[in-house]
mmCIF file of all heavy atoms, coordinates in Angstrom:
data_MODEL
# 
_entry.id   MODEL 
# 
loop_
_atom_site.group_PDB 
_atom_site.id 
_atom_site.type_symbol 
_atom_site.label_atom_id 
_atom_site.label_alt_id 
_atom_site.label_comp_id 
_atom_site.label_asym_id 
_atom_site.label_entity_id 
_atom_site.label_seq_id 
_atom_site.pdbx_PDB_ins_code 
_atom_site.Cartn_x 
_atom_site.Cartn_y 
_atom_site.Cartn_z 
_atom_site.occupancy 
_atom_site.B_iso_or_equiv 
_atom_site.pdbx_formal_charge 
_atom_site.auth_seq_id 
_atom_site.auth_comp_id 
_atom_site.auth_asym_id 
_atom_site.auth_atom_id 
_atom_site.pdbx_PDB_model_num 
ATOM 1   N N   . ALA A 1 1  ? 169.055 125.968 -24.428 1.00 0.00 ? 1  ALA A N   1 
ATOM 2   C CA  . ALA A 1 1  ? 170.049 125.783 -25.488 1.00 0.00 ? 1  ALA A CA  1 
ATOM 3   C C   . ALA A 1 1  ? 170.122 127.010 -26.389 1.00 0.00 ? 1  ALA A C   1 
ATOM 4   O O   . ALA A 1 1  ? 171.199 127.377 -26.882 1.00 0.00 ? 1  ALA A O   1 
ATOM 5   C CB  . ALA A 1 1  ? 169.718 124.534 -26.305 1.00 0.00 ? 1  ALA A CB  1 
ATOM 6   N N   . LEU A 1 2  ? 168.996 127.678 -26.594 1.00 0.00 ? 2  LEU A N   1 
ATOM 7   C CA  . LEU A 1 2  ? 168.997 128.889 -27.416 1.00 0.00 ? 2  LEU A CA  1 
ATOM 8   C C   . LEU A 1 2  ? 169.773 130.024 -26.751 1.00 0.00 ? 2  LEU A C   1 
ATOM 9   O O   . LEU A 1 2  ? 170.269 130.926 -27.434 1.00 0.00 ? 2  LEU A O   1 
ATOM 10  C CB  . LEU A 1 2  ? 167.560 129.342 -27.681 1.00 0.00 ? 2  LEU A CB  1 
ATOM 11  C CG  . LEU A 1 2  ? 166.780 128.528 -28.721 1.00 0.00 ? 2  LEU A CG  1 
ATOM 12  C CD1 . LEU A 1 2  ? 165.287 128.844 -28.636 1.00 0.00 ? 2  LEU A CD1 1 
ATOM 13  C CD2 . LEU A 1 2  ? 167.307 128.794 -30.126 1.00 0.00 ? 2  LEU A CD2 1 
ATOM 14  N N   . HIS A 1 3  ? 169.888 129.984 -25.433 1.00 0.00 ? 3  HIS A N   1 
ATOM 15  C CA  . HIS A 1 3  ? 170.617 131.030 -24.707 1.00 0.00 ? 3  HIS A CA  1 
ATOM 16  C C   . HIS A 1 3  ? 172.046 131.158 -25.194 1.00 0.00 ? 3  HIS A C   1 
ATOM 17  O O   . HIS A 1 3  ? 172.615 132.266 -25.214 1.00 0.00 ? 3  HIS A O   1 
ATOM 18  C CB  . HIS A 1 3  ? 170.590 130.730 -23.203 1.00 0.00 ? 3  HIS A CB  1 
ATOM 19  C CG  . HIS A 1 3  ? 171.222 131.789 -22.356 1.00 0.00 ? 3  HIS A CG  1 
ATOM 20  N ND1 . HIS A 1 3  ? 172.582 131.809 -22.080 1.00 0.00 ? 3  HIS A ND1 1 
ATOM 21  C CD2 . HIS A 1 3  ? 170.701 132.880 -21.751 1.00 0.00 ? 3  HIS A CD2 1 
ATOM 22  C CE1 . HIS A 1 3  ? 172.861 132.858 -21.327 1.00 0.00 ? 3  HIS A CE1 1 
ATOM 23  N NE2 . HIS A 1 3  ? 171.737 133.517 -21.111 1.00 0.00 ? 3  HIS A NE2 1 
ATOM 24  N N   . ASP A 1 4  ? 172.655 130.053 -25.604 1.00 0.00 ? 4  ASP A N   1 
ATOM 25  C CA  . ASP A 1 4  ? 174.050 130.057 -26.055 1.00 0.00 ? 4  ASP A CA  1 
ATOM 26  C C   . ASP A 1 4  ? 174.168 130.021 -27.574 1.00 0.00 ? 4  ASP A C   1 
ATOM 27  O O   . ASP A 1 4  ? 175.249 129.769 -28.113 1.00 0.00 ? 4  ASP A O   1 
ATOM 28  C CB  . ASP A 1 4  ? 174.780 128.845 -25.454 1.00 0.00 ? 4  ASP A CB  1 
ATOM 29  C CG  . ASP A 1 4  ? 174.762 128.855 -23.939 1.00 0.00 ? 4  ASP A CG  1 
ATOM 30  O OD1 . ASP A 1 4  ? 174.916 129.945 -23.346 1.00 0.00 ? 4  ASP A OD1 1 
ATOM 31  O OD2 . ASP A 1 4  ? 174.578 127.778 -23.345 1.00 0.00 ? 4  ASP A OD2 1 
ATOM 32  N N   . SER A 1 5  ? 173.077 130.264 -28.285 1.00 0.00 ? 5  SER A N   1 
ATOM 33  C CA  . SER A 1 5  ? 173.071 130.169 -29.742 1.00 0.00 ? 5  SER A CA  1 
ATOM 34  C C   . SER A 1 5  ? 173.044 131.553 -30.369 1.00 0.00 ? 5  SER A C   1 
ATOM 35  O O   . SER A 1 5  ? 172.625 132.538 -29.752 1.00 0.00 ? 5  SER A O   1 
ATOM 36  C CB  . SER A 1 5  ? 171.844 129.363 -30.195 1.00 0.00 ? 5  SER A CB  1 
ATOM 37  O OG  . SER A 1 5  ? 171.680 129.412 -31.593 1.00 0.00 ? 5  SER A OG  1 
ATOM 38  N N   . ARG A 1 6  ? 173.460 131.629 -31.634 1.00 0.00 ? 6  ARG A N   1 
ATOM 39  C CA  . ARG A 1 6  ? 173.366 132.875 -32.397 1.00 0.00 ? 6  ARG A CA  1 
ATOM 40  C C   . ARG A 1 6  ? 171.943 133.117 -32.885 1.00 0.00 ? 6  ARG A C   1 
ATOM 41  O O   . ARG A 1 6  ? 171.641 134.186 -33.418 1.00 0.00 ? 6  ARG A O   1 
ATOM 42  C CB  . ARG A 1 6  ? 174.300 132.816 -33.609 1.00 0.00 ? 6  ARG A CB  1 
ATOM 43  C CG  . ARG A 1 6  ? 173.981 131.651 -34.533 1.00 0.00 ? 6  ARG A CG  1 
ATOM 44  C CD  . ARG A 1 6  ? 174.804 131.664 -35.802 1.00 0.00 ? 6  ARG A CD  1 
ATOM 45  N NE  . ARG A 1 6  ? 174.555 130.487 -36.609 1.00 0.00 ? 6  ARG A NE  1 
ATOM 46  C CZ  . ARG A 1 6  ? 173.478 130.294 -37.354 1.00 0.00 ? 6  ARG A CZ  1 
ATOM 47  N NH1 . ARG A 1 6  ? 172.523 131.206 -37.379 1.00 0.00 ? 6  ARG A NH1 1 
ATOM 48  N NH2 . ARG A 1 6  ? 173.339 129.197 -38.070 1.00 0.00 ? 6  ARG A NH2 1 
ATOM 49  N N   . ILE A 1 7  ? 171.054 132.140 -32.730 1.00 0.00 ? 7  ILE A N   1 
ATOM 50  C CA  . ILE A 1 7  ? 169.676 132.274 -33.201 1.00 0.00 ? 7  ILE A CA  1 
ATOM 51  C C   . ILE A 1 7  ? 168.932 133.268 -32.321 1.00 0.00 ? 7  ILE A C   1 
ATOM 52  O O   . ILE A 1 7  ? 168.980 133.187 -31.090 1.00 0.00 ? 7  ILE A O   1 
ATOM 53  C CB  . ILE A 1 7  ? 168.958 130.918 -33.184 1.00 0.00 ? 7  ILE A CB  1 
ATOM 54  C CG1 . ILE A 1 7  ? 169.628 129.938 -34.148 1.00 0.00 ? 7  ILE A CG1 1 
ATOM 55  C CG2 . ILE A 1 7  ? 167.479 131.075 -33.534 1.00 0.00 ? 7  ILE A CG2 1 
ATOM 56  C CD1 . ILE A 1 7  ? 169.081 128.529 -34.081 1.00 0.00 ? 7  ILE A CD1 1 
ATOM 57  N N   . GLN A 1 8  ? 168.227 134.207 -32.953 1.00 0.00 ? 8  GLN A N   1 
ATOM 58  C CA  . GLN A 1 8  ? 167.434 135.189 -32.215 1.00 0.00 ? 8  GLN A CA  1 
ATOM 59  C C   . GLN A 1 8  ? 166.058 134.616 -31.913 1.00 0.00 ? 8  GLN A C   1 
ATOM 60  O O   . GLN A 1 8  ? 165.408 134.041 -32.773 1.00 0.00 ? 8  GLN A O   1 
ATOM 61  C CB  . GLN A 1 8  ? 167.264 136.481 -33.016 1.00 0.00 ? 8  GLN A CB  1 
ATOM 62  C CG  . GLN A 1 8  ? 166.408 137.527 -32.313 1.00 0.00 ? 8  GLN A CG  1 
ATOM 63  C CD  . GLN A 1 8  ? 166.022 138.700 -33.198 1.00 0.00 ? 8  GLN A CD  1 
ATOM 64  O OE1 . GLN A 1 8  ? 166.245 138.660 -34.411 1.00 0.00 ? 8  GLN A OE1 1 
ATOM 65  N NE2 . GLN A 1 8  ? 165.447 139.731 -32.616 1.00 0.00 ? 8  GLN A NE2 1 
ATOM 66  N N   . SER A 1 9  ? 165.615 134.789 -30.683 1.00 0.00 ? 9  SER A N   1 
ATOM 67  C CA  . SER A 1 9  ? 164.259 134.404 -30.300 1.00 0.00 ? 9  SER A CA  1 
ATOM 68  C C   . SER A 1 9  ? 163.371 135.640 -30.326 1.00 0.00 ? 9  SER A C   1 
ATOM 69  O O   . SER A 1 9  ? 163.623 136.604 -29.592 1.00 0.00 ? 9  SER A O   1 
ATOM 70  C CB  . SER A 1 9  ? 164.242 133.793 -28.893 1.00 0.00 ? 9  SER A CB  1 
ATOM 71  O OG  . SER A 1 9  ? 165.024 132.621 -28.845 1.00 0.00 ? 9  SER A OG  1 
ATOM 72  N N   . VAL A 1 10 ? 162.355 135.617 -31.189 1.00 0.00 ? 10 VAL A N   1 
ATOM 73  C CA  . VAL A 1 10 ? 161.387 136.704 -31.250 1.00 0.00 ? 10 VAL A CA  1 
ATOM 74  C C   . VAL A 1 10 ? 160.192 136.293 -30.387 1.00 0.00 ? 10 VAL A C   1 
ATOM 75  O O   . VAL A 1 10 ? 159.456 135.359 -30.723 1.00 0.00 ? 10 VAL A O   1 
ATOM 76  C CB  . VAL A 1 10 ? 160.940 136.982 -32.692 1.00 0.00 ? 10 VAL A CB  1 
ATOM 77  C CG1 . VAL A 1 10 ? 159.902 138.103 -32.724 1.00 0.00 ? 10 VAL A CG1 1 
ATOM 78  C CG2 . VAL A 1 10 ? 162.143 137.334 -33.566 1.00 0.00 ? 10 VAL A CG2 1 
ATOM 79  N N   . VAL A 1 11 ? 160.039 136.958 -29.257 1.00 0.00 ? 11 VAL A N   1 
ATOM 80  C CA  . VAL A 1 11 ? 159.001 136.590 -28.297 1.00 0.00 ? 11 VAL A CA  1 
ATOM 81  C C   . VAL A 1 11 ? 157.687 137.262 -28.693 1.00 0.00 ? 11 VAL A C   1 
ATOM 82  O O   . VAL A 1 11 ? 157.626 138.488 -28.805 1.00 0.00 ? 11 VAL A O   1 
ATOM 83  C CB  . VAL A 1 11 ? 159.400 137.004 -26.866 1.00 0.00 ? 11 VAL A CB  1 
ATOM 84  C CG1 . VAL A 1 11 ? 158.356 136.517 -25.861 1.00 0.00 ? 11 VAL A CG1 1 
ATOM 85  C CG2 . VAL A 1 11 ? 160.770 136.451 -26.521 1.00 0.00 ? 11 VAL A CG2 1 
ATOM 86  N N   . CYS A 1 12 ? 156.645 136.470 -28.890 1.00 0.00 ? 12 CYS A N   1 
ATOM 87  C CA  . CYS A 1 12 ? 155.359 136.965 -29.359 1.00 0.00 ? 12 CYS A CA  1 
ATOM 88  C C   . CYS A 1 12 ? 154.334 136.944 -28.230 1.00 0.00 ? 12 CYS A C   1 
ATOM 89  O O   . CYS A 1 12 ? 154.595 136.429 -27.148 1.00 0.00 ? 12 CYS A O   1 
ATOM 90  C CB  . CYS A 1 12 ? 154.887 136.119 -30.542 1.00 0.00 ? 12 CYS A CB  1 
ATOM 91  S SG  . CYS A 1 12 ? 156.112 136.009 -31.876 1.00 0.00 ? 12 CYS A SG  1 
ATOM 92  N N   . ARG A 1 13 ? 153.149 137.483 -28.495 1.00 0.00 ? 13 ARG A N   1 
ATOM 93  C CA  . ARG A 1 13 ? 152.142 137.633 -27.453 1.00 0.00 ? 13 ARG A CA  1 
ATOM 94  C C   . ARG A 1 13 ? 151.042 136.579 -27.522 1.00 0.00 ? 13 ARG A C   1 
ATOM 95  O O   . ARG A 1 13 ? 150.286 136.425 -26.573 1.00 0.00 ? 13 ARG A O   1 
ATOM 96  C CB  . ARG A 1 13 ? 151.532 139.036 -27.524 1.00 0.00 ? 13 ARG A CB  1 
ATOM 97  C CG  . ARG A 1 13 ? 152.564 140.152 -27.331 1.00 0.00 ? 13 ARG A CG  1 
ATOM 98  C CD  . ARG A 1 13 ? 153.401 139.931 -26.065 1.00 0.00 ? 13 ARG A CD  1 
ATOM 99  N NE  . ARG A 1 13 ? 154.467 140.882 -25.925 1.00 0.00 ? 13 ARG A NE  1 
ATOM 100 C CZ  . ARG A 1 13 ? 154.405 141.961 -25.144 1.00 0.00 ? 13 ARG A CZ  1 
ATOM 101 N NH1 . ARG A 1 13 ? 153.318 142.218 -24.443 1.00 0.00 ? 13 ARG A NH1 1 
ATOM 102 N NH2 . ARG A 1 13 ? 155.436 142.778 -25.065 1.00 0.00 ? 13 ARG A NH2 1 
ATOM 103 N N   . GLN A 1 14 ? 150.925 135.893 -28.626 1.00 0.00 ? 14 GLN A N   1 
ATOM 104 C CA  . GLN A 1 14 ? 149.932 134.830 -28.752 1.00 0.00 ? 14 GLN A CA  1 
ATOM 105 C C   . GLN A 1 14 ? 150.418 133.870 -29.818 1.00 0.00 ? 14 GLN A C   1 
ATOM 106 O O   . GLN A 1 14 ? 151.043 134.272 -30.796 1.00 0.00 ? 14 GLN A O   1 
ATOM 107 C CB  . GLN A 1 14 ? 148.560 135.406 -29.118 1.00 0.00 ? 14 GLN A CB  1 
ATOM 108 C CG  . GLN A 1 14 ? 147.379 134.552 -28.701 1.00 0.00 ? 14 GLN A CG  1 
ATOM 109 C CD  . GLN A 1 14 ? 146.795 133.723 -29.844 1.00 0.00 ? 14 GLN A CD  1 
ATOM 110 O OE1 . GLN A 1 14 ? 147.404 133.587 -30.903 1.00 0.00 ? 14 GLN A OE1 1 
ATOM 111 N NE2 . GLN A 1 14 ? 145.613 133.159 -29.626 1.00 0.00 ? 14 GLN A NE2 1 
ATOM 112 N N   . GLU A 1 15 ? 150.146 132.583 -29.610 1.00 0.00 ? 15 GLU A N   1 
ATOM 113 C CA  . GLU A 1 15 ? 150.729 131.568 -30.478 1.00 0.00 ? 15 GLU A CA  1 
ATOM 114 C C   . GLU A 1 15 ? 150.245 131.675 -31.922 1.00 0.00 ? 15 GLU A C   1 
ATOM 115 O O   . GLU A 1 15 ? 150.996 131.355 -32.861 1.00 0.00 ? 15 GLU A O   1 
ATOM 116 C CB  . GLU A 1 15 ? 150.422 130.169 -29.934 1.00 0.00 ? 15 GLU A CB  1 
ATOM 117 C CG  . GLU A 1 15 ? 151.131 129.833 -28.640 1.00 0.00 ? 15 GLU A CG  1 
ATOM 118 C CD  . GLU A 1 15 ? 150.392 130.323 -27.387 1.00 0.00 ? 15 GLU A CD  1 
ATOM 119 O OE1 . GLU A 1 15 ? 149.305 130.945 -27.544 1.00 0.00 ? 15 GLU A OE1 1 
ATOM 120 O OE2 . GLU A 1 15 ? 150.892 130.101 -26.267 1.00 0.00 ? 15 GLU A OE2 1 
ATOM 121 N N   . GLY A 1 16 ? 148.994 132.133 -32.113 1.00 0.00 ? 16 GLY A N   1 
ATOM 122 C CA  . GLY A 1 16 ? 148.527 132.334 -33.487 1.00 0.00 ? 16 GLY A CA  1 
ATOM 123 C C   . GLY A 1 16 ? 149.360 133.376 -34.201 1.00 0.00 ? 16 GLY A C   1 
ATOM 124 O O   . GLY A 1 16 ? 149.736 133.203 -35.369 1.00 0.00 ? 16 GLY A O   1 
ATOM 125 N N   . GLY A 1 17 ? 149.678 134.475 -33.510 1.00 0.00 ? 17 GLY A N   1 
ATOM 126 C CA  . GLY A 1 17 ? 150.531 135.504 -34.090 1.00 0.00 ? 17 GLY A CA  1 
ATOM 127 C C   . GLY A 1 17 ? 151.930 134.988 -34.368 1.00 0.00 ? 17 GLY A C   1 
ATOM 128 O O   . GLY A 1 17 ? 152.530 135.300 -35.407 1.00 0.00 ? 17 GLY A O   1 
ATOM 129 N N   . ALA A 1 18 ? 152.467 134.179 -33.460 1.00 0.00 ? 18 ALA A N   1 
ATOM 130 C CA  . ALA A 1 18 ? 153.807 133.623 -33.662 1.00 0.00 ? 18 ALA A CA  1 
ATOM 131 C C   . ALA A 1 18 ? 153.849 132.729 -34.895 1.00 0.00 ? 18 ALA A C   1 
ATOM 132 O O   . ALA A 1 18 ? 154.787 132.788 -35.705 1.00 0.00 ? 18 ALA A O   1 
ATOM 133 C CB  . ALA A 1 18 ? 154.236 132.830 -32.423 1.00 0.00 ? 18 ALA A CB  1 
ATOM 134 N N   . ALA A 1 19 ? 152.815 131.887 -35.060 1.00 0.00 ? 19 ALA A N   1 
ATOM 135 C CA  . ALA A 1 19 ? 152.775 131.002 -36.226 1.00 0.00 ? 19 ALA A CA  1 
ATOM 136 C C   . ALA A 1 19 ? 152.609 131.793 -37.515 1.00 0.00 ? 19 ALA A C   1 
ATOM 137 O O   . ALA A 1 19 ? 153.179 131.441 -38.558 1.00 0.00 ? 19 ALA A O   1 
ATOM 138 C CB  . ALA A 1 19 ? 151.645 129.987 -36.068 1.00 0.00 ? 19 ALA A CB  1 
ATOM 139 N N   . MET A 1 20 ? 151.839 132.890 -37.474 1.00 0.00 ? 20 MET A N   1 
ATOM 140 C CA  . MET A 1 20 ? 151.674 133.715 -38.669 1.00 0.00 ? 20 MET A CA  1 
ATOM 141 C C   . MET A 1 20 ? 152.968 134.441 -39.010 1.00 0.00 ? 20 MET A C   1 
ATOM 142 O O   . MET A 1 20 ? 153.276 134.649 -40.188 1.00 0.00 ? 20 MET A O   1 
ATOM 143 C CB  . MET A 1 20 ? 150.517 134.686 -38.475 1.00 0.00 ? 20 MET A CB  1 
ATOM 144 C CG  . MET A 1 20 ? 149.161 134.005 -38.435 1.00 0.00 ? 20 MET A CG  1 
ATOM 145 S SD  . MET A 1 20 ? 147.795 135.135 -38.080 1.00 0.00 ? 20 MET A SD  1 
ATOM 146 C CE  . MET A 1 20 ? 146.483 133.953 -37.738 1.00 0.00 ? 20 MET A CE  1 
ATOM 147 N N   . MET A 1 21 ? 153.744 134.830 -37.996 1.00 0.00 ? 21 MET A N   1 
ATOM 148 C CA  . MET A 1 21 ? 155.060 135.409 -38.270 1.00 0.00 ? 21 MET A CA  1 
ATOM 149 C C   . MET A 1 21 ? 155.957 134.383 -38.945 1.00 0.00 ? 21 MET A C   1 
ATOM 150 O O   . MET A 1 21 ? 156.686 134.702 -39.905 1.00 0.00 ? 21 MET A O   1 
ATOM 151 C CB  . MET A 1 21 ? 155.701 135.896 -36.973 1.00 0.00 ? 21 MET A CB  1 
ATOM 152 C CG  . MET A 1 21 ? 155.060 137.129 -36.382 1.00 0.00 ? 21 MET A CG  1 
ATOM 153 S SD  . MET A 1 21 ? 155.992 137.722 -34.952 1.00 0.00 ? 21 MET A SD  1 
ATOM 154 C CE  . MET A 1 21 ? 154.716 138.683 -34.119 1.00 0.00 ? 21 MET A CE  1 
ATOM 155 N N   . ALA A 1 22 ? 155.914 133.144 -38.473 1.00 0.00 ? 22 ALA A N   1 
ATOM 156 C CA  . ALA A 1 22 ? 156.725 132.096 -39.094 1.00 0.00 ? 22 ALA A CA  1 
ATOM 157 C C   . ALA A 1 22 ? 156.282 131.859 -40.532 1.00 0.00 ? 22 ALA A C   1 
ATOM 158 O O   . ALA A 1 22 ? 157.109 131.650 -41.427 1.00 0.00 ? 22 ALA A O   1 
ATOM 159 C CB  . ALA A 1 22 ? 156.630 130.809 -38.274 1.00 0.00 ? 22 ALA A CB  1 
ATOM 160 N N   . ASP A 1 23 ? 154.973 131.905 -40.767 1.00 0.00 ? 23 ASP A N   1 
ATOM 161 C CA  . ASP A 1 23 ? 154.465 131.775 -42.137 1.00 0.00 ? 23 ASP A CA  1 
ATOM 162 C C   . ASP A 1 23 ? 154.998 132.894 -43.015 1.00 0.00 ? 23 ASP A C   1 
ATOM 163 O O   . ASP A 1 23 ? 155.465 132.654 -44.135 1.00 0.00 ? 23 ASP A O   1 
ATOM 164 C CB  . ASP A 1 23 ? 152.939 131.802 -42.120 1.00 0.00 ? 23 ASP A CB  1 
ATOM 165 C CG  . ASP A 1 23 ? 152.337 131.890 -43.509 1.00 0.00 ? 23 ASP A CG  1 
ATOM 166 O OD1 . ASP A 1 23 ? 152.242 133.018 -44.048 1.00 0.00 ? 23 ASP A OD1 1 
ATOM 167 O OD2 . ASP A 1 23 ? 151.958 130.847 -44.057 1.00 0.00 ? 23 ASP A OD2 1 
ATOM 168 N N   . CYS A 1 24 ? 154.935 134.139 -42.528 1.00 0.00 ? 24 CYS A N   1 
ATOM 169 C CA  . CYS A 1 24 ? 155.416 135.271 -43.321 1.00 0.00 ? 24 CYS A CA  1 
ATOM 170 C C   . CYS A 1 24 ? 156.904 135.131 -43.616 1.00 0.00 ? 24 CYS A C   1 
ATOM 171 O O   . CYS A 1 24 ? 157.368 135.441 -44.717 1.00 0.00 ? 24 CYS A O   1 
ATOM 172 C CB  . CYS A 1 24 ? 155.129 136.584 -42.598 1.00 0.00 ? 24 CYS A CB  1 
ATOM 173 S SG  . CYS A 1 24 ? 155.646 138.050 -43.512 1.00 0.00 ? 24 CYS A SG  1 
ATOM 174 N N   . HIS A 1 25 ? 157.667 134.653 -42.631 1.00 0.00 ? 25 HIS A N   1 
ATOM 175 C CA  . HIS A 1 25 ? 159.100 134.416 -42.819 1.00 0.00 ? 25 HIS A CA  1 
ATOM 176 C C   . HIS A 1 25 ? 159.306 133.442 -43.986 1.00 0.00 ? 25 HIS A C   1 
ATOM 177 O O   . HIS A 1 25 ? 160.109 133.699 -44.894 1.00 0.00 ? 25 HIS A O   1 
ATOM 178 C CB  . HIS A 1 25 ? 159.683 133.837 -41.529 1.00 0.00 ? 25 HIS A CB  1 
ATOM 179 C CG  . HIS A 1 25 ? 161.161 133.630 -41.567 1.00 0.00 ? 25 HIS A CG  1 
ATOM 180 N ND1 . HIS A 1 25 ? 162.033 134.361 -40.790 1.00 0.00 ? 25 HIS A ND1 1 
ATOM 181 C CD2 . HIS A 1 25 ? 161.945 132.770 -42.270 1.00 0.00 ? 25 HIS A CD2 1 
ATOM 182 C CE1 . HIS A 1 25 ? 163.268 133.962 -41.013 1.00 0.00 ? 25 HIS A CE1 1 
ATOM 183 N NE2 . HIS A 1 25 ? 163.242 132.990 -41.917 1.00 0.00 ? 25 HIS A NE2 1 
# 
């Protein structure tokens, strides 16, 4: 569903890093 969305997917290398990016956001 994201393929057809304007939302950007930021692909991360480890889930802890991804969650910390979301926290910083």
